[in-house]
Protein backbone atom coordinates (compact mmCIF):
# COMPACT_ATOMS: atom_id res chain seq x y z
CA MET A 1 -0.10 -0.04 0.26
CA GLY A 2 1.18 3.74 -0.34
CA GLU A 3 2.33 6.44 2.02
CA PRO A 4 -0.47 6.36 4.84
CA HIS A 5 0.16 9.94 5.51
CA VAL A 6 -1.04 10.42 1.92
CA ILE A 7 -3.96 7.84 2.00
CA SER A 8 -5.00 8.94 5.41
CA ALA A 9 -4.97 13.13 4.39
CA LEU A 10 -6.85 11.57 0.86
CA VAL A 11 -9.56 9.62 2.93
CA ALA A 12 -9.89 12.88 5.54
CA LYS A 13 -10.34 15.46 2.35
CA ARG A 14 -13.11 13.01 0.74
CA ALA A 15 -14.70 12.69 3.88
CA GLU A 16 -15.02 16.32 4.04
CA LEU A 17 -15.99 17.13 0.70
CA ASP A 18 -18.89 14.62 0.50
CA GLY A 19 -20.43 16.12 4.06
CA GLN A 20 -20.21 19.87 2.07
CA SER A 21 -21.91 17.26 -0.73
CA ILE A 22 -24.91 16.30 1.53
CA ALA A 23 -24.76 19.72 3.11
CA PHE A 24 -25.58 21.51 -0.18
CA ASP A 25 -28.27 19.01 -1.21
CA LYS A 26 -30.02 19.54 1.84
CA GLN A 27 -29.89 23.13 1.12
CA LYS A 28 -31.02 22.58 -2.43
CA ALA A 29 -34.35 20.43 -1.04
CA LYS A 30 -35.20 23.17 1.28
CA ILE A 31 -34.65 25.74 -1.58
CA ARG A 32 -36.96 24.06 -3.94
CA ALA A 33 -39.85 23.28 -1.08
CA ASP A 34 -39.54 27.20 -0.30
CA ILE A 35 -40.14 27.67 -4.54
CA ARG A 36 -43.13 25.40 -4.52
CA HIS A 37 -44.92 27.56 -1.54
CA ILE A 38 -44.23 30.89 -3.23
CA ASP A 39 -45.56 29.20 -6.25
CA ASN A 40 -48.69 27.94 -4.23
CA ALA A 41 -49.13 31.48 -2.75
CA LEU A 42 -48.61 33.00 -6.35
CA ALA A 43 -51.69 31.34 -7.71
CA ILE A 44 -53.44 31.71 -4.64
CA PHE A 45 -53.34 35.44 -5.68
CA GLY A 46 -54.31 34.96 -9.00
CA TYR A 47 -51.08 35.02 -10.92
CA ARG A 48 -51.82 32.78 -14.19
CA ASP A 49 -48.48 32.53 -16.21
CA PRO A 50 -46.43 29.37 -15.52
CA PRO A 51 -44.25 29.66 -12.67
CA ARG A 52 -41.44 28.31 -14.69
CA ALA A 53 -41.27 31.58 -16.73
CA ILE A 54 -39.74 33.62 -14.12
CA LYS A 55 -36.33 33.68 -15.19
CA PRO A 56 -33.91 33.19 -12.34
CA LYS A 57 -32.34 36.10 -11.06
CA GLN A 58 -28.61 35.60 -10.64
CA HIS A 59 -25.77 37.71 -8.97
CA LYS A 60 -23.41 39.55 -11.28
CA THR A 61 -19.74 39.73 -10.91
CA TYR A 62 -17.98 42.72 -10.89
CA ARG A 63 -14.24 42.45 -12.57
CA PHE A 64 -13.69 46.08 -12.63
CA LYS A 65 -13.91 49.12 -10.67
CA ARG A 66 -16.11 51.81 -12.06
CA ARG A 67 -14.28 53.10 -15.28
CA GLU A 68 -10.81 50.78 -14.68
CA LEU A 69 -11.88 48.92 -18.09
CA SER A 70 -11.88 51.96 -20.02
CA MET A 71 -9.06 53.18 -18.64
CA LEU A 72 -6.96 49.86 -19.32
CA ILE A 73 -8.01 49.69 -22.62
CA ARG A 74 -6.66 53.46 -23.37
CA GLU A 75 -3.59 52.23 -22.19
CA TYR A 76 -3.16 49.02 -24.12
CA GLU A 77 -5.08 50.57 -27.35
CA GLY A 78 -3.90 48.33 -30.28
CA GLY A 79 -3.95 44.85 -30.92
CA THR A 80 -7.12 42.46 -31.34
CA ASN A 81 -9.50 42.19 -28.23
CA ARG A 82 -7.85 39.06 -27.06
CA ASP A 83 -4.70 41.19 -27.07
CA VAL A 84 -5.91 43.97 -25.21
CA ALA A 85 -8.05 41.08 -22.94
CA LEU A 86 -4.69 39.13 -22.23
CA ARG A 87 -2.35 42.10 -21.37
CA ILE A 88 -5.23 43.49 -18.86
CA ILE A 89 -5.47 39.85 -17.32
CA GLN A 90 -1.49 39.60 -17.07
CA ARG A 91 -1.58 42.98 -15.33
CA LYS A 92 -4.91 42.17 -12.42
CA ASP A 93 -2.51 38.60 -12.49
CA TRP A 94 -5.26 36.64 -13.16
CA ASP A 95 -4.96 33.35 -14.94
CA ALA A 96 -4.14 33.82 -18.50
CA GLU A 97 -4.51 30.01 -19.74
CA ASP A 98 -8.26 30.22 -17.79
CA ARG A 99 -10.03 30.10 -21.61
CA GLU A 100 -13.34 30.98 -20.45
CA LEU A 101 -12.22 34.00 -18.54
CA VAL A 102 -10.10 35.19 -21.43
CA ALA A 103 -13.08 34.74 -23.42
CA LYS A 104 -15.63 36.70 -21.01
CA ILE A 105 -12.59 39.57 -20.66
CA SER A 106 -12.06 39.67 -24.83
CA ASP A 107 -15.92 40.25 -24.78
CA SER A 108 -16.29 43.12 -22.15
CA VAL A 109 -12.93 44.39 -24.10
CA LYS A 110 -15.29 44.40 -27.12
CA SER A 111 -18.36 45.72 -25.46
CA ALA A 112 -15.91 48.71 -24.09
CA LYS A 113 -14.57 49.37 -26.96
CA GLN A 114 -18.19 49.85 -29.19
CA TYR A 115 -19.41 51.83 -26.35
CA GLN A 116 -16.28 54.50 -26.45
CA ALA A 117 -17.07 54.54 -30.72
CA ARG A 118 -20.72 55.38 -29.79
CA MET A 119 -20.03 58.09 -27.13
CA ALA A 120 -17.30 59.33 -29.66
CA ARG A 121 -19.74 59.52 -32.59
CA CYS A 122 -22.62 61.18 -30.08
CA ARG A 123 -20.20 63.96 -29.25
CA PRO A 124 -20.17 67.38 -30.91
């Protein structure tokens, strides 16, 4: 058998994660029950649309402070949106290997550049 201290640490970590998984399952079941209660209350008060049509509200993650992205774009102008995004990611000391992050920042750069272009056209 392998190293006993490694195995015991892995067993302990697995037990911890399994416990967290059980707790999340219980929390999810409670939330589902709360949603069913609200759906029933909506029906009682005459809400006619299907409750599943209500879009879930999700918290937005803000990666930049106000105006920070536009200032970084001006600092790194030139190149493709992806190049600018990679320079920003490097500057912020984020993981440049994370493809999802690079794609999201590239989209943000593209949107910010489009917004800046629209604002420039509107100014007299």
